Structure formats: C-alpha cells, structure tokens
Amino acid sequence: MKRLILMAIVALVALPAAAQIEEAYPSYVQVYGRAEKEITPDEFYLQIIINERDSKGKISVESQQRDMIAALKKLGVNVEKQLKVANLSSEFFKKKTSVATAKYQLQLGTSAEVAQAWQALDNLGISDVSILKVSHSKIDEYKEQVRVEAIRNARQNAETLAEAIGQTVGKCFYIYDSNSNVMPVMYDNAVLMRSAKASGTAEMQVEEDPLEFKTLRLEYGVQAKFVLE
C-alpha cells in the first residue's frame, strides 16, 4: 500500500515536469545535412633542401643557392615573394662560417610551374625537392559556401520528412556544426619527380598539365532540429 502511494506521489510530481518539457520542446524533426565540393588547387608549396654533401663538397651551398635563384628567376618566379628561407644550418665543428644545409619553401601557382621548377632544380643537382602541401587561394571562401549548403540540405531533408506526415517545418532551434577541414591529400614525391623529369622536354607546352594533382575535397556536415507545425 505504501509503495502504491509513493508511486502515485512520484507520478503527480512528474506530471508538471513532463508538461514543462513538452512546452519547452515542441514536436520536432532532427535531421543531418551534408555538402561537399572539389576544387582544383592553385597554390603548390615545395620544400627544397640544399645540402653540400649532395655535391660531395665540390659545390658550396652558397653557390647552389645563387644558381637556384637564377634558375627560378629565369622561369618567371618572383623569388622575393614566392621563395622563403625555412631553415639554415651549419656544421659548427667543420666550418664555422659556411652554411652546410639550407631549406627553402617555394610557392607556385600551377602544376606546370611545379614541373618546370622541379626540372630546373634537378638540372642543377638539387634533387631533395618535395611537396609540402597544396591549397587554394580562396579556400576559406569555399569552406563557407559548403557549410551554408550543408545547413540548406538539412532543411530540405526536414521538409521532405515533414511533408510525408502532413506537417510543415518551422524554425530551427538547434544546429550542431560538425565541421571537418580540407580532406588531407598525400602525394608520392618520387612519382611526381619522375613525372616532372618526363615532362621536361622542349616539346612540352607550358599550358599543358604535366603533373596530375588531386583535387581538394571539402566536406561538411551539420545536425539540425526543426519545429514541426
């Protein structure tokens, strides 16, 4: 008997709480929206490492640096803006004043430029060249576009479900933006080097696309809750 009375009291207490929950959270539909976009990169970042050991000490790093800069300028590269020193190191116990290793970052705008630069550097005996990353000059703008498309897709999904049960979609009262960044793109530098060497012929036109770089994939998803009316 006491147990029944206690259960009844609990039920009476729970009723107002349930009513408040129903009032605060009306009938709704929870949906997921997604959008994606693939864009062709227009920013290519190369890492160039010049090491005195590569020439067995016959050519100093300083000399290789001068040759590299001259070759890049010949290709039309604005070295003041596109070439940055990433690191300089010296073998202190061997040469206190001479730089033994130099690391650079080179930014280029097309795959054709990458192939030309790679070939020119290889001709100078500078073979330690690799892709750091690829990107796009308007990457942030494209990200926002895809995110907006994702929430619009969520609303479309909500409207489709609501229509199936004879209701309409009202305001959105919850959005969870589960963003992911640009999908990482990995490259085999050895393969790219071989492709760059193969394209370094007099017949190869600058406007051709000698290296096949993967597109950048933007993918965003959002969860949303819409009131059903």
Protein backbone atom coordinates (compact mmCIF):
# COMPACT_ATOMS: atom_id res chain seq x y z
CA MET A 1 0.00 0.00 0.00
CA LYS A 2 2.73 2.40 0.99
CA ARG A 3 4.53 1.51 -2.21
CA LEU A 4 1.46 2.36 -4.31
CA ILE A 5 1.04 5.69 -2.54
CA LEU A 6 4.73 6.53 -3.13
CA MET A 7 4.41 5.68 -6.84
CA ALA A 8 1.33 7.88 -7.10
CA ILE A 9 3.15 10.81 -5.49
CA VAL A 10 6.09 10.39 -7.86
CA ALA A 11 3.71 10.33 -10.82
CA LEU A 12 1.98 13.52 -9.66
CA VAL A 13 5.34 15.26 -9.25
CA ALA A 14 6.49 14.10 -12.66
CA LEU A 15 3.41 15.41 -14.50
CA PRO A 16 4.23 19.12 -14.18
CA ALA A 17 7.85 18.42 -15.17
CA ALA A 18 6.73 16.49 -18.25
CA ALA A 19 4.36 19.31 -19.19
CA GLN A 20 7.17 21.83 -18.94
CA ILE A 21 9.40 19.69 -21.15
CA GLU A 22 6.66 19.33 -23.77
CA GLU A 23 6.09 23.09 -23.68
CA ALA A 24 9.80 23.91 -23.98
CA TYR A 25 10.47 21.26 -26.61
CA PRO A 26 7.53 21.00 -29.02
CA SER A 27 7.32 18.30 -31.65
CA TYR A 28 10.35 18.48 -33.90
CA VAL A 29 12.36 16.65 -36.51
CA GLN A 30 16.08 16.04 -36.19
CA VAL A 31 17.99 15.74 -39.44
CA TYR A 32 21.52 15.65 -40.84
CA GLY A 33 22.66 17.78 -43.75
CA ARG A 34 25.83 17.47 -45.76
CA ALA A 35 27.56 19.08 -48.69
CA GLU A 36 30.83 18.63 -50.49
CA LYS A 37 32.86 20.36 -53.15
CA GLU A 38 36.01 19.51 -55.06
CA ILE A 39 38.28 22.32 -56.20
CA THR A 40 41.41 22.37 -58.29
CA PRO A 41 44.38 23.69 -56.27
CA ASP A 42 46.10 26.88 -57.33
CA GLU A 43 48.73 27.01 -54.59
CA PHE A 44 51.58 24.50 -54.53
CA TYR A 45 54.19 24.58 -51.78
CA LEU A 46 57.51 22.85 -52.40
CA GLN A 47 60.23 22.15 -49.89
CA ILE A 48 63.73 22.48 -51.29
CA ILE A 49 66.76 21.29 -49.33
CA ILE A 50 70.25 22.16 -50.49
CA ASN A 51 72.97 20.07 -48.91
CA GLU A 52 76.68 20.43 -49.53
CA ARG A 53 77.05 16.68 -49.23
CA ASP A 54 74.97 16.20 -52.39
CA SER A 55 77.86 17.53 -54.45
CA LYS A 56 80.41 15.76 -52.22
CA GLY A 57 81.64 19.14 -51.06
CA LYS A 58 82.55 20.29 -54.57
CA ILE A 59 79.87 22.97 -54.74
CA SER A 60 79.13 25.16 -51.73
CA VAL A 61 75.60 25.73 -50.54
CA GLU A 62 76.01 29.42 -51.22
CA SER A 63 76.88 28.70 -54.85
CA GLN A 64 73.92 26.35 -55.22
CA GLN A 65 71.66 28.99 -53.71
CA ARG A 66 72.77 31.54 -56.29
CA ASP A 67 72.26 29.06 -59.12
CA MET A 68 68.83 28.10 -57.80
CA ILE A 69 67.66 31.70 -57.53
CA ALA A 70 68.93 32.47 -61.03
CA ALA A 71 67.14 29.42 -62.47
CA LEU A 72 63.87 30.28 -60.74
CA LYS A 73 64.02 33.88 -61.92
CA LYS A 74 64.56 32.61 -65.45
CA LEU A 75 61.28 30.70 -65.10
CA GLY A 76 59.50 33.91 -64.09
CA VAL A 77 59.33 33.17 -60.36
CA ASN A 78 59.19 36.23 -58.10
CA VAL A 79 61.74 34.91 -55.62
CA GLU A 80 61.25 37.85 -53.25
CA LYS A 81 57.61 36.83 -52.70
CA GLN A 82 57.46 33.15 -53.58
CA LEU A 83 60.71 31.81 -52.09
CA LYS A 84 61.22 31.77 -48.34
CA VAL A 85 64.09 30.54 -46.22
CA ALA A 86 62.76 27.83 -43.91
CA ASN A 87 65.99 26.88 -42.17
CA LEU A 88 69.74 27.35 -42.32
CA SER A 89 72.21 25.10 -40.52
CA SER A 90 75.97 24.92 -40.33
CA GLU A 91 78.35 22.18 -39.29
CA PHE A 92 79.95 24.12 -36.47
CA PHE A 93 82.83 21.75 -35.85
CA LYS A 94 83.69 21.57 -39.53
CA LYS A 95 83.01 25.03 -40.91
CA LYS A 96 82.23 27.82 -38.53
CA THR A 97 81.22 30.30 -41.21
CA SER A 98 79.96 28.25 -44.15
CA VAL A 99 76.38 27.08 -44.32
CA ALA A 100 76.20 23.32 -44.94
CA THR A 101 72.44 22.95 -45.38
CA ALA A 102 69.70 25.31 -46.48
CA LYS A 103 65.97 24.64 -46.53
CA TYR A 104 63.51 26.67 -48.59
CA GLN A 105 59.78 26.87 -49.20
CA LEU A 106 58.70 27.72 -52.74
CA GLN A 107 55.12 28.70 -53.60
CA LEU A 108 53.90 28.18 -57.16
CA GLY A 109 50.56 28.67 -58.88
CA THR A 110 50.17 25.83 -61.42
CA SER A 111 51.23 22.23 -61.86
CA ALA A 112 53.11 23.28 -65.00
CA GLU A 113 55.20 25.68 -62.91
CA VAL A 114 55.86 22.88 -60.43
CA ALA A 115 57.12 20.62 -63.22
CA GLN A 116 59.34 23.35 -64.66
CA ALA A 117 60.83 24.25 -61.28
CA TRP A 118 61.40 20.60 -60.40
CA GLN A 119 63.19 20.02 -63.70
CA ALA A 120 65.32 23.16 -63.35
CA LEU A 121 66.39 22.23 -59.83
CA ASP A 122 67.21 18.68 -60.88
CA ASN A 123 69.39 20.05 -63.67
CA LEU A 124 71.36 21.90 -61.01
CA GLY A 125 71.82 18.72 -58.99
CA ILE A 126 69.27 19.78 -56.38
CA SER A 127 67.15 16.66 -56.03
CA ASP A 128 65.81 16.96 -52.47
CA VAL A 129 62.52 18.54 -53.51
CA SER A 130 59.15 17.52 -52.11
CA ILE A 131 55.54 18.66 -51.94
CA LEU A 132 54.73 20.27 -48.59
CA LYS A 133 51.06 20.93 -49.30
CA VAL A 134 48.59 22.09 -51.91
CA SER A 135 45.81 24.60 -51.32
CA HIS A 136 43.63 27.20 -52.98
CA SER A 137 43.82 30.97 -52.70
CA LYS A 138 40.07 31.16 -51.91
CA ILE A 139 39.88 28.10 -49.66
CA ASP A 140 38.16 29.95 -46.77
CA GLU A 141 35.51 31.35 -49.10
CA TYR A 142 34.77 27.88 -50.47
CA LYS A 143 34.56 26.45 -46.94
CA GLU A 144 31.84 28.92 -46.02
CA GLN A 145 29.91 28.11 -49.19
CA VAL A 146 29.95 24.39 -48.42
CA ARG A 147 28.86 24.94 -44.81
CA VAL A 148 25.90 27.03 -45.97
CA GLU A 149 24.97 24.33 -48.48
CA ALA A 150 25.08 21.74 -45.68
CA ILE A 151 22.53 23.53 -43.49
CA ARG A 152 20.31 24.14 -46.52
CA ASN A 153 20.47 20.43 -47.24
CA ALA A 154 19.44 19.74 -43.64
CA ARG A 155 16.34 21.92 -44.03
CA GLN A 156 15.43 20.20 -47.31
CA ASN A 157 15.67 16.84 -45.56
CA ALA A 158 13.45 18.11 -42.75
CA GLU A 159 10.85 19.40 -45.22
CA THR A 160 10.80 16.08 -47.04
CA LEU A 161 10.14 14.15 -43.82
CA ALA A 162 7.59 16.65 -42.54
CA GLU A 163 5.64 16.55 -45.82
CA ALA A 164 5.45 12.76 -45.58
CA ILE A 165 3.44 13.05 -42.36
CA GLY A 166 1.34 16.03 -43.43
CA GLN A 167 3.21 18.66 -41.44
CA THR A 168 5.40 21.65 -42.19
CA VAL A 169 8.79 22.75 -40.93
CA GLY A 170 9.05 25.74 -38.66
CA LYS A 171 12.04 27.49 -37.17
CA CYS A 172 15.34 25.75 -36.47
CA PHE A 173 16.20 25.74 -32.78
CA TYR A 174 19.36 23.60 -32.79
CA ILE A 175 22.40 23.36 -35.07
CA TYR A 176 25.45 21.22 -34.44
CA ASP A 177 28.20 22.16 -36.86
CA SER A 178 30.38 19.03 -37.04
CA ASN A 179 32.92 20.52 -39.38
CA SER A 180 35.81 18.69 -40.86
CA ASN A 181 38.64 20.52 -42.54
CA VAL A 182 40.01 20.02 -46.02
CA MET A 183 40.46 16.30 -46.59
CA PRO A 184 44.22 15.61 -46.46
CA VAL A 185 45.91 14.89 -49.77
CA MET A 186 49.01 12.71 -49.84
CA TYR A 187 51.49 12.62 -52.71
CA ASP A 188 54.22 10.24 -53.72
CA ASN A 189 57.10 12.64 -54.31
CA ALA A 190 59.12 10.03 -56.18
CA VAL A 191 56.31 9.60 -58.71
CA LEU A 192 55.91 13.35 -59.10
CA MET A 193 59.66 13.72 -59.61
CA ARG A 194 59.62 11.13 -62.39
CA SER A 195 56.66 12.88 -64.00
CA ALA A 196 58.40 16.24 -63.78
CA LYS A 197 61.54 14.81 -65.41
CA ALA A 198 59.48 13.20 -68.17
CA SER A 199 57.75 16.49 -68.89
CA GLY A 200 60.99 18.47 -69.12
CA THR A 201 61.24 18.30 -72.89
CA ALA A 202 61.33 21.03 -75.50
CA GLU A 203 58.06 19.76 -76.95
CA MET A 204 56.15 20.15 -73.70
CA GLN A 205 53.96 23.26 -73.82
CA VAL A 206 53.70 25.43 -70.69
CA GLU A 207 49.90 25.46 -70.81
CA GLU A 208 49.68 21.66 -70.65
CA ASP A 209 49.11 19.89 -67.33
CA PRO A 210 52.20 17.68 -66.93
CA LEU A 211 51.52 16.70 -63.32
CA GLU A 212 48.22 15.34 -62.15
CA PHE A 213 47.44 16.79 -58.75
CA LYS A 214 44.41 15.57 -56.83
CA THR A 215 41.55 17.98 -56.29
CA LEU A 216 40.95 19.40 -52.84
CA ARG A 217 37.83 17.94 -51.29
CA LEU A 218 35.75 19.99 -48.88
CA GLU A 219 33.13 18.05 -46.95
CA TYR A 220 30.92 19.44 -44.19
CA GLY A 221 28.05 18.06 -42.16
CA VAL A 222 25.57 19.61 -39.74
CA GLN A 223 22.90 18.25 -37.45
CA ALA A 224 19.79 20.36 -37.02
CA LYS A 225 16.44 20.28 -35.24
CA PHE A 226 13.38 21.96 -36.75
CA VAL A 227 10.00 22.56 -35.16
CA LEU A 228 7.14 20.63 -36.74
CA GLU A 229 3.95 22.58 -37.30
